[in-house]
Every structure is written in structure tokens, then in C-alpha cells.
Amino acid sequence: MKTGILAGIVLALCLALTSCGRSDIDYYLLEGGDPQIDWVGFRRDSVLLWMGPGMVPESSRYEVRSDGVIVVHISPFSDTHFVRLDARTLEGEVPFFEGTWKKKRHIK
């Protein structure tokens, strides 16, 4: 019961974050993954949207370093990286986003 309520609150917060203002979002899907859960969305305000454990939408801050590597701050003590292979492809780092991610759409 408490887990369901917590999941509902987290989902509501994520939806509120995504609906605030007009933010462009670039969505990427994991190659060979399930499009319902294996996606990430980069917002222009440095927020990464992604599906977390238990199919709960999560949000994390990200920054793009001068060498083009995208650093995602999963928690205060845990970071992961994406490396851009070309204009539509990212390579994710183990353990959070391992694999090749292809850009699928851009939403305004």
C-alpha cells in the first residue's frame, strides 16, 4: 500500500516537472530494448528523464563537459556517463545506461 502511494507521488512529481513551462526534450531509446522502459529524455534545462527500477519515472541532473561527455548525476554520490558517437547516437556507461541509445524524437 505504501509503495503504491509512494510510486504515485513520484509519478506525479515527474509529470509536474515535465509539464512546467515549455522545454524541448530529446528522447533516446536503447537499441534492442523495450521502448516502454528503455528510454531517456534530455530536457534543455539540464534534467534527464528516465525509467527507474520498478518502472518508476525518475529525473536526474546532467551536464555536458567540454569534451562532449554527458555526466548524469544519479544521486549525490553516483554519476554515470554518456558518450556521443554521432548526432543521433549515444553510448551509455555501466551500470545505469549501458548500451547504445538512438535518438527517436524531439518534443517541444
N, C-alpha and C. Protein backbone atom coordinates (compact mmCIF):
# COMPACT_ATOMS: atom_id res chain seq x y z
N MET A 1 0.82 -1.19 0.00
CA MET A 1 0.00 0.00 0.00
C MET A 1 0.87 1.26 0.00
N LYS A 2 1.85 1.30 0.92
CA LYS A 2 2.73 2.47 0.99
C LYS A 2 3.56 2.61 -0.27
N THR A 3 3.97 1.47 -0.86
CA THR A 3 4.76 1.52 -2.09
C THR A 3 3.94 2.12 -3.23
N GLY A 4 2.67 1.75 -3.32
CA GLY A 4 1.80 2.29 -4.36
C GLY A 4 1.60 3.78 -4.21
N ILE A 5 1.41 4.22 -2.98
CA ILE A 5 1.24 5.66 -2.72
C ILE A 5 2.51 6.41 -3.06
N LEU A 6 3.66 5.86 -2.64
CA LEU A 6 4.94 6.50 -2.94
C LEU A 6 5.18 6.57 -4.44
N ALA A 7 4.87 5.47 -5.15
CA ALA A 7 5.04 5.46 -6.61
C ALA A 7 4.15 6.50 -7.27
N GLY A 8 2.93 6.65 -6.76
CA GLY A 8 2.02 7.66 -7.29
C GLY A 8 2.53 9.07 -7.07
N ILE A 9 3.10 9.31 -5.90
CA ILE A 9 3.66 10.64 -5.60
C ILE A 9 4.85 10.93 -6.50
N VAL A 10 5.73 9.94 -6.67
CA VAL A 10 6.90 10.13 -7.54
C VAL A 10 6.45 10.39 -8.97
N LEU A 11 5.48 9.62 -9.45
CA LEU A 11 4.98 9.82 -10.81
C LEU A 11 4.38 11.22 -10.96
N ALA A 12 3.61 11.66 -9.98
CA ALA A 12 3.02 13.00 -10.04
C ALA A 12 4.10 14.08 -10.07
N LEU A 13 5.16 13.90 -9.27
CA LEU A 13 6.26 14.87 -9.28
C LEU A 13 6.96 14.91 -10.63
N CYS A 14 7.20 13.72 -11.20
CA CYS A 14 7.86 13.68 -12.51
C CYS A 14 6.99 14.32 -13.58
N LEU A 15 5.70 14.05 -13.55
CA LEU A 15 4.80 14.68 -14.51
C LEU A 15 4.75 16.18 -14.33
N ALA A 16 4.79 16.64 -13.09
CA ALA A 16 4.81 18.08 -12.83
C ALA A 16 6.08 18.70 -13.37
N LEU A 17 7.21 18.02 -13.19
CA LEU A 17 8.48 18.53 -13.71
C LEU A 17 8.45 18.63 -15.23
N THR A 18 7.89 17.62 -15.88
CA THR A 18 7.89 17.61 -17.34
C THR A 18 6.90 18.60 -17.92
N SER A 19 5.89 19.00 -17.15
CA SER A 19 4.88 19.90 -17.70
C SER A 19 5.15 21.36 -17.38
N CYS A 20 6.12 21.66 -16.55
CA CYS A 20 6.42 23.04 -16.19
C CYS A 20 7.08 23.76 -17.36
N GLY A 21 6.39 24.79 -17.86
CA GLY A 21 6.96 25.57 -18.94
C GLY A 21 7.09 24.77 -20.22
N ARG A 22 7.68 25.38 -21.22
CA ARG A 22 7.92 24.69 -22.48
C ARG A 22 9.38 24.34 -22.54
N SER A 23 9.66 23.08 -22.45
CA SER A 23 11.04 22.61 -22.52
C SER A 23 11.17 21.64 -23.67
N ASP A 24 12.19 21.81 -24.46
CA ASP A 24 12.47 20.85 -25.52
C ASP A 24 13.05 19.59 -24.90
N ILE A 25 12.63 18.44 -25.42
CA ILE A 25 13.13 17.16 -24.92
C ILE A 25 13.60 16.32 -26.10
N ASP A 26 14.82 15.80 -26.00
CA ASP A 26 15.35 14.85 -26.97
C ASP A 26 15.26 13.46 -26.36
N TYR A 27 14.46 12.59 -26.98
CA TYR A 27 14.30 11.22 -26.48
C TYR A 27 15.22 10.26 -27.21
N TYR A 28 15.79 9.34 -26.44
CA TYR A 28 16.64 8.28 -26.97
C TYR A 28 16.10 6.94 -26.47
N LEU A 29 16.14 5.93 -27.34
CA LEU A 29 15.74 4.57 -26.96
C LEU A 29 16.95 3.66 -27.02
N LEU A 30 17.00 2.71 -26.09
CA LEU A 30 18.08 1.73 -26.06
C LEU A 30 17.91 0.77 -27.22
N GLU A 31 18.97 0.59 -28.01
CA GLU A 31 18.93 -0.36 -29.13
C GLU A 31 18.67 -1.76 -28.61
N GLY A 32 17.63 -2.40 -29.13
CA GLY A 32 17.29 -3.74 -28.71
C GLY A 32 16.52 -3.79 -27.40
N GLY A 33 16.19 -2.64 -26.83
CA GLY A 33 15.49 -2.59 -25.55
C GLY A 33 13.98 -2.48 -25.74
N ASP A 34 13.28 -2.44 -24.65
CA ASP A 34 11.83 -2.27 -24.64
C ASP A 34 11.52 -0.78 -24.62
N PRO A 35 10.87 -0.24 -25.64
CA PRO A 35 10.63 1.20 -25.70
C PRO A 35 9.75 1.72 -24.56
N GLN A 36 9.03 0.85 -23.87
CA GLN A 36 8.21 1.28 -22.75
C GLN A 36 9.05 1.61 -21.52
N ILE A 37 10.22 0.99 -21.41
CA ILE A 37 11.03 1.22 -20.21
C ILE A 37 12.46 1.65 -20.50
N ASP A 38 12.98 1.37 -21.68
CA ASP A 38 14.38 1.67 -22.01
C ASP A 38 14.47 2.96 -22.80
N TRP A 39 14.19 4.09 -22.14
CA TRP A 39 14.25 5.40 -22.77
C TRP A 39 14.88 6.41 -21.82
N VAL A 40 15.43 7.45 -22.40
CA VAL A 40 15.90 8.61 -21.64
C VAL A 40 15.46 9.85 -22.40
N GLY A 41 15.19 10.91 -21.68
CA GLY A 41 14.79 12.17 -22.29
C GLY A 41 15.62 13.31 -21.73
N PHE A 42 16.36 13.97 -22.61
CA PHE A 42 17.20 15.10 -22.20
C PHE A 42 16.42 16.39 -22.39
N ARG A 43 16.14 17.07 -21.28
CA ARG A 43 15.49 18.38 -21.35
C ARG A 43 16.55 19.45 -21.46
N ARG A 44 16.18 20.58 -22.02
CA ARG A 44 17.11 21.69 -22.21
C ARG A 44 17.54 22.34 -20.90
N ASP A 45 16.78 22.11 -19.83
CA ASP A 45 17.13 22.72 -18.54
C ASP A 45 18.01 21.81 -17.69
N SER A 46 18.75 20.91 -18.35
CA SER A 46 19.71 20.02 -17.69
C SER A 46 19.07 18.97 -16.78
N VAL A 47 17.87 18.53 -17.14
CA VAL A 47 17.21 17.45 -16.42
C VAL A 47 17.07 16.26 -17.36
N LEU A 48 17.50 15.11 -16.89
CA LEU A 48 17.36 13.86 -17.64
C LEU A 48 16.18 13.09 -17.05
N LEU A 49 15.23 12.73 -17.90
CA LEU A 49 14.10 11.89 -17.50
C LEU A 49 14.42 10.47 -17.93
N TRP A 50 14.12 9.48 -17.08
CA TRP A 50 14.40 8.10 -17.40
C TRP A 50 13.54 7.18 -16.55
N MET A 51 13.40 5.93 -17.00
CA MET A 51 12.60 4.95 -16.26
C MET A 51 13.50 4.25 -15.26
N GLY A 52 13.14 4.38 -14.01
CA GLY A 52 13.94 3.79 -12.94
C GLY A 52 13.48 2.39 -12.57
N PRO A 53 14.10 1.82 -11.55
CA PRO A 53 13.72 0.49 -11.09
C PRO A 53 12.24 0.45 -10.69
N GLY A 54 11.59 -0.66 -10.96
CA GLY A 54 10.19 -0.79 -10.61
C GLY A 54 9.28 0.00 -11.52
N MET A 55 9.77 0.38 -12.70
CA MET A 55 9.01 1.15 -13.69
C MET A 55 8.50 2.47 -13.11
N VAL A 56 9.35 3.15 -12.35
CA VAL A 56 9.04 4.45 -11.79
C VAL A 56 9.84 5.50 -12.55
N PRO A 57 9.17 6.47 -13.17
CA PRO A 57 9.91 7.54 -13.86
C PRO A 57 10.78 8.31 -12.88
N GLU A 58 12.00 8.57 -13.29
CA GLU A 58 12.97 9.28 -12.45
C GLU A 58 13.44 10.53 -13.19
N SER A 59 14.03 11.44 -12.46
CA SER A 59 14.69 12.59 -13.08
C SER A 59 16.01 12.81 -12.37
N SER A 60 17.01 13.20 -13.15
CA SER A 60 18.35 13.46 -12.63
C SER A 60 18.91 14.67 -13.34
N ARG A 61 19.82 15.36 -12.70
CA ARG A 61 20.51 16.48 -13.34
C ARG A 61 21.61 15.94 -14.23
N TYR A 62 21.90 16.64 -15.32
CA TYR A 62 23.02 16.27 -16.16
C TYR A 62 23.76 17.52 -16.61
N GLU A 63 25.00 17.33 -17.03
CA GLU A 63 25.81 18.42 -17.57
C GLU A 63 26.63 17.86 -18.72
N VAL A 64 26.93 18.72 -19.67
CA VAL A 64 27.77 18.32 -20.80
C VAL A 64 29.15 18.94 -20.59
N ARG A 65 30.15 18.08 -20.48
CA ARG A 65 31.53 18.56 -20.28
C ARG A 65 32.08 19.13 -21.58
N SER A 66 33.17 19.83 -21.48
CA SER A 66 33.79 20.46 -22.65
C SER A 66 34.23 19.43 -23.69
N ASP A 67 34.51 18.18 -23.27
CA ASP A 67 34.90 17.14 -24.23
C ASP A 67 33.68 16.43 -24.84
N GLY A 68 32.45 16.91 -24.51
CA GLY A 68 31.24 16.36 -25.09
C GLY A 68 30.63 15.21 -24.32
N VAL A 69 31.30 14.74 -23.29
CA VAL A 69 30.76 13.65 -22.46
C VAL A 69 29.62 14.22 -21.61
N ILE A 70 28.51 13.48 -21.55
CA ILE A 70 27.36 13.87 -20.75
C ILE A 70 27.47 13.16 -19.40
N VAL A 71 27.53 13.94 -18.33
CA VAL A 71 27.62 13.39 -16.97
C VAL A 71 26.24 13.48 -16.34
N VAL A 72 25.70 12.33 -15.91
CA VAL A 72 24.39 12.28 -15.27
C VAL A 72 24.60 12.04 -13.78
N HIS A 73 24.02 12.91 -12.97
CA HIS A 73 24.15 12.82 -11.52
C HIS A 73 22.94 12.04 -10.99
N ILE A 74 23.12 10.72 -10.85
CA ILE A 74 22.03 9.84 -10.40
C ILE A 74 21.65 10.15 -8.96
N SER A 75 22.63 10.32 -8.11
CA SER A 75 22.43 10.67 -6.70
C SER A 75 23.64 11.49 -6.27
N PRO A 76 23.65 12.01 -5.07
CA PRO A 76 24.79 12.83 -4.65
C PRO A 76 26.15 12.12 -4.76
N PHE A 77 26.15 10.80 -4.68
CA PHE A 77 27.43 10.08 -4.71
C PHE A 77 27.55 9.13 -5.89
N SER A 78 26.68 9.26 -6.89
CA SER A 78 26.70 8.33 -8.01
C SER A 78 26.48 9.07 -9.32
N ASP A 79 27.47 9.00 -10.20
CA ASP A 79 27.39 9.59 -11.53
C ASP A 79 27.56 8.50 -12.58
N THR A 80 27.03 8.75 -13.75
CA THR A 80 27.26 7.87 -14.90
C THR A 80 27.46 8.77 -16.11
N HIS A 81 27.85 8.19 -17.24
CA HIS A 81 28.21 8.99 -18.42
C HIS A 81 27.59 8.45 -19.69
N PHE A 82 27.35 9.37 -20.61
CA PHE A 82 27.02 9.05 -22.00
C PHE A 82 28.11 9.67 -22.86
N VAL A 83 28.55 8.94 -23.88
CA VAL A 83 29.50 9.46 -24.86
C VAL A 83 28.77 9.55 -26.20
N ARG A 84 28.84 10.71 -26.83
CA ARG A 84 28.18 10.91 -28.12
C ARG A 84 29.02 10.26 -29.22
N LEU A 85 28.41 9.30 -29.95
CA LEU A 85 29.09 8.65 -31.07
C LEU A 85 28.87 9.40 -32.37
N ASP A 86 27.66 9.93 -32.56
CA ASP A 86 27.34 10.79 -33.70
C ASP A 86 26.12 11.63 -33.31
N ALA A 87 25.53 12.34 -34.26
CA ALA A 87 24.45 13.28 -33.94
C ALA A 87 23.20 12.59 -33.38
N ARG A 88 23.01 11.31 -33.64
CA ARG A 88 21.81 10.60 -33.21
C ARG A 88 22.09 9.41 -32.29
N THR A 89 23.35 9.22 -31.88
CA THR A 89 23.71 8.02 -31.13
C THR A 89 24.55 8.35 -29.90
N LEU A 90 24.17 7.75 -28.77
CA LEU A 90 24.92 7.86 -27.52
C LEU A 90 25.33 6.47 -27.07
N GLU A 91 26.47 6.38 -26.42
CA GLU A 91 26.91 5.14 -25.79
C GLU A 91 26.86 5.36 -24.29
N GLY A 92 26.05 4.52 -23.60
CA GLY A 92 25.88 4.66 -22.16
C GLY A 92 26.85 3.80 -21.39
N GLU A 93 27.08 4.20 -20.15
CA GLU A 93 28.04 3.55 -19.28
C GLU A 93 27.34 2.61 -18.29
N VAL A 94 28.00 1.52 -17.97
CA VAL A 94 27.53 0.58 -16.95
C VAL A 94 27.56 1.29 -15.60
N PRO A 95 26.67 1.09 -14.69
CA PRO A 95 25.58 0.12 -14.66
C PRO A 95 24.22 0.71 -14.99
N PHE A 96 24.10 2.02 -15.13
CA PHE A 96 22.77 2.61 -15.28
C PHE A 96 22.25 2.63 -16.71
N PHE A 97 23.06 3.03 -17.65
CA PHE A 97 22.57 3.24 -19.02
C PHE A 97 23.44 2.53 -20.04
N GLU A 98 23.95 1.34 -19.71
CA GLU A 98 24.84 0.63 -20.61
C GLU A 98 24.14 0.32 -21.93
N GLY A 99 24.90 0.45 -23.01
CA GLY A 99 24.38 0.13 -24.33
C GLY A 99 24.37 1.34 -25.25
N THR A 100 23.83 1.12 -26.45
CA THR A 100 23.75 2.15 -27.48
C THR A 100 22.34 2.72 -27.51
N TRP A 101 22.26 4.04 -27.48
CA TRP A 101 20.99 4.75 -27.43
C TRP A 101 20.82 5.56 -28.71
N LYS A 102 19.67 5.41 -29.38
CA LYS A 102 19.39 6.10 -30.64
C LYS A 102 18.33 7.18 -30.43
N LYS A 103 18.59 8.35 -30.99
CA LYS A 103 17.64 9.46 -30.88
C LYS A 103 16.39 9.12 -31.69
N LYS A 104 15.24 9.28 -31.06
CA LYS A 104 13.99 8.92 -31.73
C LYS A 104 13.11 10.11 -32.04
N ARG A 105 13.06 11.07 -31.15
CA ARG A 105 12.16 12.20 -31.40
C ARG A 105 12.58 13.41 -30.58
N HIS A 106 12.03 14.52 -31.00
CA HIS A 106 12.29 15.80 -30.33
C HIS A 106 10.92 16.42 -30.08
N ILE A 107 10.62 16.76 -28.83
CA ILE A 107 9.33 17.31 -28.48
C ILE A 107 9.52 18.72 -27.96
N LYS A 108 8.64 19.62 -28.40
CA LYS A 108 8.63 20.99 -27.88
C LYS A 108 7.52 21.13 -26.87
